[in-house]
Amino acid sequence: MSIQSGLLRTRRFVPLFVTQFFGAFNDNLFKNALVVLLTFKAASWTSLKPELLGNLAAGIFILPFFLFSATAGQIVDKLDKACVARFVKLMEIAIMALAGIGFAAHSLAVLLAALLLMGMHSTLFGPVKYAILPQHLRPEELVAGNALVEAGTFTAILLGTLAGGLLAALDGGTVWITVATLSVALAGYVASRGIPPAPPAAAQLAIRFNPVIDTWRCIADARANREVFIAIIGLSWFWLYGALFLAQFPAYAKNVLGGDELSVTLLLAIFTVGIGTGSLACDRLSRHKVELGLVPFGAAGLTLFGLDFALASTAGLPAHVSSLAQLLSDLGTWRILADLLLLGVFGGFFCVPLYALMQARSAEDKRARTIAANNIVNACFMVAGALGASALLAAGLSIPHLFALAAAINAVVAAGLFYSAPEFGQRFVAWIRDFGN
């Protein structure tokens, strides 16, 4: 029996895994359902333009990561993480009830308030999810646990996004969305009841709330551990890179592939399968230890297949297709899908060891605050990436050329990381040598 399958049979892991899966699923169900409703039915809710509403919703959801991550890290370090998880799930039930009121009243203000609170929910749960793993898992299980969490998270994101869009399109969709989000929140709370106790690592910590000063201190503390901070920078770049690709999929499917909504779903599904496959393969490839040699391997694949994805996207695809079947009948489409799958696979190779490194080498009494610092830097990178991509596209850069530029920058960023931390390159050489034996 593999370590991964063993973890999926133990109470040390399963309740947390299910809780985080339902949380990620509900986040994306609610976010996408709200964006779809605002896009297609905004006239009956507000006079604001749908494009503005979509960006406003994205900004509102990510705002708490900047404002409250540092405080969330303090709370999770000070209190029992299992208790915090249960509180967060109760908070989620209340938020979804508030959202139901917003849907019933067609109140945009109430719905955006619920979205802000869901962002706070995710901000608080993030440090719980990652800081609790080293407490409940043995060292040889840490990579497997992170692999399962990453695979589960991306699967939940995909399924939640699809469910949100489907429910929003139904007659009486707001009722279905309310019922679904409340049901998932309740299921998440039930799962959280099974998480074993995780005693506080810094019970004497005095919690402060000064977003600016606390955020600065949180990042400064993380920077004090050079290896951990390099992992944080690597993970933040990965989220920028991945988010940049995901954000372009709707326009890419329509304007480059000539497809429809089903084409967008196919791209999301292929990328998710790739991330899940790469994440789950990390445990076997690393031989059940934190293997930093996989990170350069992953970085190389992210650049190689990102460049080929861009090249394949300019290789004479049909101008318009009438169905998904017609799109799949073109050999060029299969090259694109293969590149996208492998981008996900190598993304899993890149990020899972970095998460495990951040957990394993951070100070136990500051681990949650280290995770919080990671979330803050992740958010900064993703916002910067979105703004940069928007500016380049507005200046006339095509989507395939944007992908090519991102892949080239990935090579530069990876080189800088590995120059700053020679251990990655040394472990890569050792991993290649050991893998051949």
Protein backbone atom coordinates (compact mmCIF):
# COMPACT_ATOMS: atom_id res chain seq x y z
CA MET A 1 0.00 0.00 0.00
CA SER A 2 1.40 3.43 -0.99
CA ILE A 3 1.79 6.25 1.51
CA GLN A 4 -0.86 8.27 -0.33
CA SER A 5 -3.48 5.52 -0.19
CA GLY A 6 -2.54 4.92 3.44
CA LEU A 7 -3.14 8.60 4.29
CA LEU A 8 -6.58 8.39 2.66
CA ARG A 9 -7.47 5.75 5.26
CA THR A 10 -6.32 7.58 8.37
CA ARG A 11 -8.10 10.07 10.62
CA ARG A 12 -4.87 12.06 10.86
CA PHE A 13 -5.43 13.21 7.28
CA VAL A 14 -8.84 12.40 5.77
CA PRO A 15 -11.02 14.89 7.75
CA LEU A 16 -8.61 17.74 6.93
CA PHE A 17 -8.46 16.69 3.26
CA VAL A 18 -12.25 16.58 2.96
CA THR A 19 -12.66 19.87 4.83
CA GLN A 20 -10.21 21.71 2.57
CA PHE A 21 -11.73 20.12 -0.55
CA PHE A 22 -15.23 21.34 0.33
CA GLY A 23 -13.84 24.78 1.21
CA ALA A 24 -12.06 25.23 -2.13
CA PHE A 25 -15.10 23.83 -3.95
CA ASN A 26 -17.48 26.27 -2.26
CA ASP A 27 -15.18 29.27 -2.80
CA ASN A 28 -15.17 28.69 -6.53
CA LEU A 29 -18.81 27.65 -6.80
CA PHE A 30 -19.92 30.89 -5.18
CA LYS A 31 -17.38 33.11 -6.98
CA ASN A 32 -18.12 31.76 -10.45
CA ALA A 33 -21.88 31.63 -9.94
CA LEU A 34 -21.83 35.27 -8.83
CA VAL A 35 -19.64 36.37 -11.75
CA VAL A 36 -21.86 34.52 -14.27
CA LEU A 37 -25.01 36.04 -12.79
CA LEU A 38 -23.49 39.52 -12.79
CA THR A 39 -22.27 39.07 -16.36
CA PHE A 40 -25.57 37.92 -17.85
CA LYS A 41 -28.16 39.41 -15.48
CA ALA A 42 -26.42 42.49 -14.17
CA ALA A 43 -28.99 44.87 -15.65
CA SER A 44 -31.58 43.82 -13.08
CA TRP A 45 -29.09 44.17 -10.19
CA THR A 46 -27.00 47.27 -10.92
CA SER A 47 -26.11 49.86 -13.53
CA LEU A 48 -22.42 48.92 -13.45
CA LYS A 49 -20.93 47.23 -16.53
CA PRO A 50 -20.45 43.42 -16.34
CA GLU A 51 -16.72 43.70 -17.12
CA LEU A 52 -16.25 46.09 -14.20
CA LEU A 53 -18.28 43.82 -11.92
CA GLY A 54 -16.16 40.78 -12.77
CA ASN A 55 -12.92 42.57 -11.92
CA LEU A 56 -14.52 44.12 -8.83
CA ALA A 57 -15.55 40.68 -7.58
CA ALA A 58 -12.04 39.29 -8.12
CA GLY A 59 -10.50 42.24 -6.29
CA ILE A 60 -12.89 41.99 -3.35
CA PHE A 61 -12.18 38.29 -2.87
CA ILE A 62 -8.41 38.72 -2.83
CA LEU A 63 -8.38 41.88 -0.65
CA PRO A 64 -8.52 39.97 2.69
CA PHE A 65 -5.31 38.13 1.80
CA PHE A 66 -3.52 41.48 1.98
CA LEU A 67 -5.36 42.81 5.03
CA PHE A 68 -5.81 39.78 7.28
CA SER A 69 -3.21 37.13 6.42
CA ALA A 70 -0.77 38.32 9.07
CA THR A 71 -3.49 38.27 11.75
CA ALA A 72 -4.67 34.86 10.52
CA GLY A 73 -1.14 33.49 10.94
CA GLN A 74 -1.02 34.77 14.52
CA ILE A 75 -4.39 33.22 15.36
CA VAL A 76 -3.44 29.82 13.93
CA ASP A 77 -0.08 29.80 15.74
CA LYS A 78 -1.75 30.74 19.05
CA LEU A 79 -4.79 28.41 19.00
CA ASP A 80 -5.51 24.74 18.36
CA LYS A 81 -5.65 24.45 14.58
CA ALA A 82 -8.49 21.91 14.63
CA CYS A 83 -10.61 24.34 16.65
CA VAL A 84 -9.79 27.16 14.23
CA ALA A 85 -10.80 24.92 11.31
CA ARG A 86 -14.18 24.24 12.91
CA PHE A 87 -14.72 27.94 13.60
CA VAL A 88 -13.91 28.76 9.97
CA LYS A 89 -16.45 26.20 8.77
CA LEU A 90 -19.15 27.65 11.04
CA MET A 91 -18.22 31.05 9.64
CA GLU A 92 -18.68 29.65 6.12
CA ILE A 93 -22.23 28.47 6.91
CA ALA A 94 -23.13 31.95 8.16
CA ILE A 95 -21.58 33.59 5.09
CA MET A 96 -23.52 31.35 2.71
CA ALA A 97 -26.73 32.16 4.58
CA LEU A 98 -25.91 35.86 4.10
CA ALA A 99 -25.30 35.23 0.40
CA GLY A 100 -28.70 33.50 0.18
CA ILE A 101 -30.31 36.66 1.57
CA GLY A 102 -28.41 38.69 -1.03
CA PHE A 103 -29.62 36.46 -3.85
CA ALA A 104 -33.22 36.58 -2.63
CA ALA A 105 -33.15 40.38 -2.31
CA HIS A 106 -31.14 40.94 -5.51
CA SER A 107 -28.78 42.99 -3.35
CA LEU A 108 -25.38 43.46 -4.95
CA ALA A 109 -24.02 45.07 -1.77
CA VAL A 110 -24.94 42.03 0.36
CA LEU A 111 -23.49 39.61 -2.20
CA LEU A 112 -20.20 41.51 -2.43
CA ALA A 113 -20.07 41.60 1.37
CA ALA A 114 -20.49 37.81 1.38
CA LEU A 115 -17.72 37.53 -1.21
CA LEU A 116 -15.43 39.64 0.99
CA LEU A 117 -16.22 37.41 3.96
CA MET A 118 -15.48 34.30 1.88
CA GLY A 119 -12.12 35.83 1.11
CA MET A 120 -11.59 36.22 4.87
CA HIS A 121 -12.67 32.59 5.33
CA SER A 122 -10.01 31.43 2.86
CA THR A 123 -7.41 33.76 4.38
CA LEU A 124 -7.90 32.17 7.80
CA PHE A 125 -8.12 28.58 6.59
CA GLY A 126 -4.96 28.71 4.45
CA PRO A 127 -2.51 28.71 7.40
CA VAL A 128 -4.55 25.97 9.09
CA LYS A 129 -4.40 23.72 6.05
CA TYR A 130 -0.65 23.86 5.57
CA ALA A 131 0.59 24.41 9.15
CA ILE A 132 -1.32 21.40 10.50
CA LEU A 133 0.25 18.88 8.10
CA PRO A 134 3.67 18.68 9.82
CA GLN A 135 1.88 18.14 13.17
CA HIS A 136 -0.25 15.23 11.98
CA LEU A 137 2.03 13.61 9.41
CA ARG A 138 5.35 11.83 9.81
CA PRO A 139 8.33 13.31 7.91
CA GLU A 140 8.15 10.58 5.25
CA GLU A 141 4.43 11.38 4.74
CA LEU A 142 4.81 15.13 4.26
CA VAL A 143 5.34 15.11 0.49
CA ALA A 144 2.48 12.64 -0.01
CA GLY A 145 0.17 14.77 2.14
CA ASN A 146 1.03 17.95 0.24
CA ALA A 147 0.60 16.13 -3.06
CA LEU A 148 -2.89 15.00 -2.10
CA VAL A 149 -3.82 18.46 -0.84
CA GLU A 150 -2.63 20.14 -4.06
CA ALA A 151 -4.37 17.58 -6.28
CA GLY A 152 -7.54 17.90 -4.22
CA THR A 153 -7.43 21.70 -4.25
CA PHE A 154 -7.13 21.99 -8.03
CA THR A 155 -9.83 19.38 -8.55
CA ALA A 156 -12.12 21.26 -6.18
CA ILE A 157 -11.39 24.52 -7.99
CA LEU A 158 -12.34 22.96 -11.34
CA LEU A 159 -15.49 21.23 -10.08
CA GLY A 160 -16.62 24.28 -8.09
CA THR A 161 -16.11 26.57 -11.08
CA LEU A 162 -18.10 24.24 -13.34
CA ALA A 163 -20.87 23.79 -10.76
CA GLY A 164 -21.16 27.55 -10.24
CA GLY A 165 -21.59 28.20 -13.94
CA LEU A 166 -24.11 25.40 -14.39
CA LEU A 167 -26.24 26.43 -11.40
CA ALA A 168 -26.23 30.08 -12.43
CA ALA A 169 -27.61 29.10 -15.84
CA LEU A 170 -30.63 27.22 -14.38
CA ASP A 171 -34.09 28.70 -14.00
CA GLY A 172 -34.30 29.80 -10.38
CA GLY A 173 -30.52 29.52 -10.27
CA THR A 174 -30.13 31.72 -7.21
CA VAL A 175 -32.14 29.25 -5.14
CA TRP A 176 -30.05 26.33 -6.34
CA ILE A 177 -26.83 28.25 -5.65
CA THR A 178 -27.98 29.04 -2.10
CA VAL A 179 -28.97 25.44 -1.41
CA ALA A 180 -25.71 24.10 -2.87
CA THR A 181 -23.37 26.50 -1.05
CA LEU A 182 -25.13 26.00 2.28
CA SER A 183 -25.05 22.21 1.84
CA VAL A 184 -21.34 22.19 0.98
CA ALA A 185 -20.54 24.51 3.91
CA LEU A 186 -22.44 22.21 6.26
CA ALA A 187 -20.63 19.16 4.86
CA GLY A 188 -17.31 20.95 5.41
CA TYR A 189 -18.19 21.64 9.04
CA VAL A 190 -19.17 17.98 9.61
CA ALA A 191 -15.82 16.89 8.11
CA SER A 192 -13.92 19.39 10.29
CA ARG A 193 -15.35 17.77 13.42
CA GLY A 194 -13.15 14.76 12.70
CA ILE A 195 -9.84 16.67 12.56
CA PRO A 196 -7.70 15.51 15.51
CA PRO A 197 -6.46 18.14 18.01
CA ALA A 198 -3.46 20.16 16.84
CA PRO A 199 -2.10 21.96 19.94
CA PRO A 200 -0.92 25.56 19.53
CA ALA A 201 2.73 26.16 18.75
CA ALA A 202 2.83 29.62 20.33
CA ALA A 203 0.13 29.70 22.99
CA GLN A 204 1.63 32.77 24.70
CA LEU A 205 1.59 34.87 21.52
CA ALA A 206 -0.21 38.20 21.88
CA ILE A 207 -2.41 38.74 18.82
CA ARG A 208 -2.18 42.21 17.29
CA PHE A 209 -4.24 43.71 14.51
CA ASN A 210 -2.42 46.33 12.52
CA PRO A 211 -2.57 45.20 8.89
CA VAL A 212 0.33 47.30 7.62
CA ILE A 213 2.80 46.70 10.47
CA ASP A 214 1.79 43.06 10.99
CA THR A 215 2.07 42.29 7.27
CA TRP A 216 5.54 43.84 7.19
CA ARG A 217 6.63 41.88 10.27
CA CYS A 218 5.15 38.67 8.89
CA ILE A 219 7.12 38.94 5.65
CA ALA A 220 10.26 40.08 7.51
CA ASP A 221 10.09 37.02 9.78
CA ALA A 222 9.78 34.77 6.73
CA ARG A 223 12.72 36.50 5.05
CA ALA A 224 14.89 35.73 8.08
CA ASN A 225 14.83 32.07 7.00
CA ARG A 226 16.49 32.29 3.60
CA GLU A 227 15.59 28.79 2.39
CA VAL A 228 11.96 29.22 3.35
CA PHE A 229 11.70 32.64 1.73
CA ILE A 230 13.17 31.32 -1.52
CA ALA A 231 10.45 28.64 -1.44
CA ILE A 232 7.85 31.38 -0.92
CA ILE A 233 9.15 33.34 -3.93
CA GLY A 234 9.11 30.18 -6.04
CA LEU A 235 5.55 29.33 -5.02
CA SER A 236 4.39 32.89 -5.62
CA TRP A 237 5.87 32.85 -9.10
CA PHE A 238 4.15 29.50 -9.76
CA TRP A 239 0.77 30.97 -8.81
CA LEU A 240 1.40 34.04 -11.00
CA TYR A 241 2.37 31.81 -13.92
CA GLY A 242 -0.56 29.45 -13.51
CA ALA A 243 -3.10 32.23 -12.90
CA LEU A 244 -1.89 34.05 -15.99
CA PHE A 245 -2.63 30.99 -18.15
CA LEU A 246 -5.99 30.28 -16.48
CA ALA A 247 -7.19 33.88 -16.81
CA GLN A 248 -6.68 33.84 -20.59
CA PHE A 249 -8.51 30.55 -21.22
CA PRO A 250 -11.95 32.04 -22.05
CA ALA A 251 -10.55 34.53 -24.59
CA TYR A 252 -8.01 31.97 -25.82
CA ALA A 253 -10.71 29.35 -26.43
CA LYS A 254 -12.85 31.83 -28.34
CA ASN A 255 -10.31 33.87 -30.28
CA VAL A 256 -7.43 31.42 -30.82
CA LEU A 257 -9.10 28.01 -30.88
CA GLY A 258 -12.38 29.33 -32.31
CA GLY A 259 -14.29 27.26 -29.77
CA ASP A 260 -17.08 27.80 -27.27
CA GLU A 261 -17.74 27.41 -23.52
CA LEU A 262 -17.08 23.67 -23.73
CA SER A 263 -13.60 24.43 -25.04
CA VAL A 264 -12.88 26.53 -21.94
CA THR A 265 -14.05 23.66 -19.74
CA LEU A 266 -11.80 21.25 -21.64
CA LEU A 267 -8.75 23.49 -21.13
CA LEU A 268 -9.48 23.83 -17.41
CA ALA A 269 -10.01 20.08 -17.04
CA ILE A 270 -6.79 19.15 -18.87
CA PHE A 271 -4.72 21.59 -16.83
CA THR A 272 -6.29 20.33 -13.59
CA VAL A 273 -5.63 16.70 -14.48
CA GLY A 274 -2.02 17.63 -15.20
CA ILE A 275 -1.54 19.40 -11.86
CA GLY A 276 -3.13 16.48 -10.01
CA THR A 277 -1.03 13.90 -11.87
CA GLY A 278 2.22 15.78 -11.31
CA SER A 279 1.44 16.41 -7.65
CA LEU A 280 0.61 12.77 -6.93
CA ALA A 281 3.68 11.57 -8.82
CA CYS A 282 5.97 13.69 -6.62
CA ASP A 283 5.84 11.29 -3.69
CA ARG A 284 7.03 8.33 -5.75
CA LEU A 285 9.63 10.35 -7.69
CA SER A 286 11.02 11.83 -4.47
CA ARG A 287 11.04 8.44 -2.71
CA HIS A 288 8.91 9.76 0.17
CA LYS A 289 11.17 12.65 1.17
CA VAL A 290 11.38 16.37 0.47
CA GLU A 291 13.29 16.19 -2.82
CA LEU A 292 14.36 19.64 -3.99
CA GLY A 293 15.81 18.12 -7.16
CA LEU A 294 12.29 17.95 -8.57
CA VAL A 295 11.98 21.75 -8.53
CA PRO A 296 14.50 22.45 -11.37
CA PHE A 297 12.94 19.55 -13.29
CA GLY A 298 9.51 21.15 -12.88
CA ALA A 299 10.81 24.60 -13.82
CA ALA A 300 12.35 23.25 -17.03
CA GLY A 301 9.06 21.64 -18.02
CA LEU A 302 7.11 24.82 -17.25
CA THR A 303 9.32 26.74 -19.67
CA LEU A 304 9.59 24.06 -22.38
CA PHE A 305 5.90 23.22 -22.59
CA GLY A 306 4.85 26.84 -22.07
CA LEU A 307 6.88 27.81 -25.14
CA ASP A 308 5.55 24.91 -27.19
CA PHE A 309 1.99 25.74 -26.10
CA ALA A 310 2.53 29.26 -27.47
CA LEU A 311 4.07 27.96 -30.70
CA ALA A 312 1.31 25.41 -31.22
CA SER A 313 -1.26 28.16 -30.72
CA THR A 314 0.05 30.02 -33.79
CA ALA A 315 0.39 26.94 -36.01
CA GLY A 316 -2.60 27.38 -38.31
CA LEU A 317 -5.57 26.28 -36.22
CA PRO A 318 -9.06 26.44 -37.78
CA ALA A 319 -10.51 29.96 -37.82
CA HIS A 320 -13.83 28.75 -36.41
CA VAL A 321 -15.26 25.45 -35.29
CA SER A 322 -18.90 24.54 -34.82
CA SER A 323 -18.40 21.92 -32.12
CA LEU A 324 -15.93 20.50 -29.66
CA ALA A 325 -15.72 17.35 -31.80
CA GLN A 326 -14.59 19.43 -34.78
CA LEU A 327 -11.98 21.16 -32.66
CA LEU A 328 -10.65 17.80 -31.46
CA SER A 329 -10.46 16.51 -35.03
CA ASP A 330 -7.57 18.90 -35.69
CA LEU A 331 -4.12 17.48 -34.85
CA GLY A 332 -2.93 20.90 -33.73
CA THR A 333 -5.49 20.86 -30.94
CA TRP A 334 -4.03 17.63 -29.57
CA ARG A 335 -0.57 19.18 -29.48
CA ILE A 336 -2.01 22.11 -27.51
CA LEU A 337 -3.80 19.80 -25.09
CA ALA A 338 -0.65 17.68 -24.61
CA ASP A 339 1.36 20.82 -23.85
CA LEU A 340 -1.28 22.00 -21.40
CA LEU A 341 -1.39 18.60 -19.66
CA LEU A 342 2.40 18.56 -19.31
CA LEU A 343 2.42 22.16 -18.08
CA GLY A 344 0.21 20.97 -15.25
CA VAL A 345 2.32 17.87 -14.58
CA PHE A 346 5.56 19.85 -14.33
CA GLY A 347 3.77 22.50 -12.29
CA GLY A 348 3.02 19.76 -9.76
CA PHE A 349 6.70 18.75 -9.75
CA PHE A 350 7.63 22.38 -9.12
CA CYS A 351 5.20 23.37 -6.34
CA VAL A 352 4.76 20.28 -4.14
CA PRO A 353 8.42 20.06 -2.97
CA LEU A 354 8.40 23.82 -2.31
CA TYR A 355 5.34 23.53 -0.07
CA ALA A 356 6.95 20.63 1.79
CA LEU A 357 10.22 22.58 2.14
CA MET A 358 8.39 25.62 3.53
CA GLN A 359 6.64 23.45 6.13
CA ALA A 360 9.61 21.29 7.07
CA ARG A 361 12.14 24.10 7.51
CA SER A 362 9.99 26.82 9.07
CA ALA A 363 10.13 27.33 12.85
CA GLU A 364 7.36 25.35 14.52
CA ASP A 365 6.18 28.29 16.64
CA LYS A 366 6.03 30.54 13.54
CA ARG A 367 4.86 28.03 10.93
CA ALA A 368 1.36 29.45 10.47
CA ARG A 369 2.74 32.98 10.17
CA THR A 370 5.19 31.68 7.56
CA ILE A 371 2.26 30.23 5.62
CA ALA A 372 0.50 33.57 6.02
CA ALA A 373 3.54 35.37 4.59
CA ASN A 374 3.43 32.97 1.66
CA ASN A 375 -0.23 33.83 1.07
CA ILE A 376 0.50 37.56 1.14
CA VAL A 377 3.36 37.28 -1.35
CA ASN A 378 1.27 34.91 -3.51
CA ALA A 379 -1.50 37.51 -3.65
CA CYS A 380 0.97 40.30 -4.53
CA PHE A 381 2.45 38.26 -7.37
CA MET A 382 -0.97 37.26 -8.75
CA VAL A 383 -2.26 40.85 -8.75
CA ALA A 384 0.97 42.09 -10.36
CA GLY A 385 0.73 39.34 -12.97
CA ALA A 386 -2.89 40.18 -13.77
CA LEU A 387 -2.09 43.89 -14.12
CA GLY A 388 0.97 43.18 -16.25
CA ALA A 389 -0.89 40.77 -18.53
CA SER A 390 -3.77 43.25 -18.93
CA ALA A 391 -1.35 46.03 -19.86
CA LEU A 392 0.49 43.88 -22.41
CA LEU A 393 -2.73 42.66 -24.01
CA ALA A 394 -4.10 46.21 -24.12
CA ALA A 395 -0.87 47.29 -25.86
CA GLY A 396 -1.56 44.76 -28.62
CA LEU A 397 0.34 41.64 -27.54
CA SER A 398 -1.46 38.48 -28.65
CA ILE A 399 -2.41 35.78 -26.15
CA PRO A 400 0.04 33.19 -27.62
CA HIS A 401 2.84 35.78 -27.46
CA LEU A 402 1.88 36.53 -23.85
CA PHE A 403 2.24 32.81 -23.06
CA ALA A 404 5.63 32.71 -24.78
CA LEU A 405 6.84 35.75 -22.84
CA ALA A 406 5.67 34.22 -19.54
CA ALA A 407 7.49 30.96 -20.34
CA ALA A 408 10.70 32.85 -21.14
CA ILE A 409 10.43 34.88 -17.92
CA ASN A 410 9.89 31.59 -16.05
CA ALA A 411 13.33 30.47 -17.19
CA VAL A 412 14.88 33.70 -15.93
CA VAL A 413 13.07 33.51 -12.57
CA ALA A 414 14.04 29.86 -12.12
CA ALA A 415 17.67 30.61 -12.92
CA GLY A 416 17.65 33.38 -10.33
CA LEU A 417 16.13 31.10 -7.69
CA PHE A 418 18.59 28.30 -8.30
CA TYR A 419 21.54 30.71 -8.35
CA SER A 420 20.39 32.05 -4.97
CA ALA A 421 19.98 28.53 -3.58
CA PRO A 422 22.57 26.16 -5.11
CA GLU A 423 21.04 23.28 -3.14
CA PHE A 424 18.31 22.97 -5.78
CA GLY A 425 20.82 22.34 -8.56
CA GLN A 426 22.92 20.01 -6.42
CA ARG A 427 19.87 17.96 -5.46
CA PHE A 428 18.75 17.85 -9.11
CA VAL A 429 22.07 16.31 -10.16
CA ALA A 430 21.92 13.86 -7.25
CA TRP A 431 18.27 13.00 -8.01
CA ILE A 432 19.04 12.27 -11.67
CA ARG A 433 21.96 10.08 -10.61
CA ASP A 434 19.95 8.23 -7.97
CA PHE A 435 16.91 7.88 -10.25
CA GLY A 436 19.02 6.00 -12.78
CA ASN A 437 20.15 3.47 -10.19
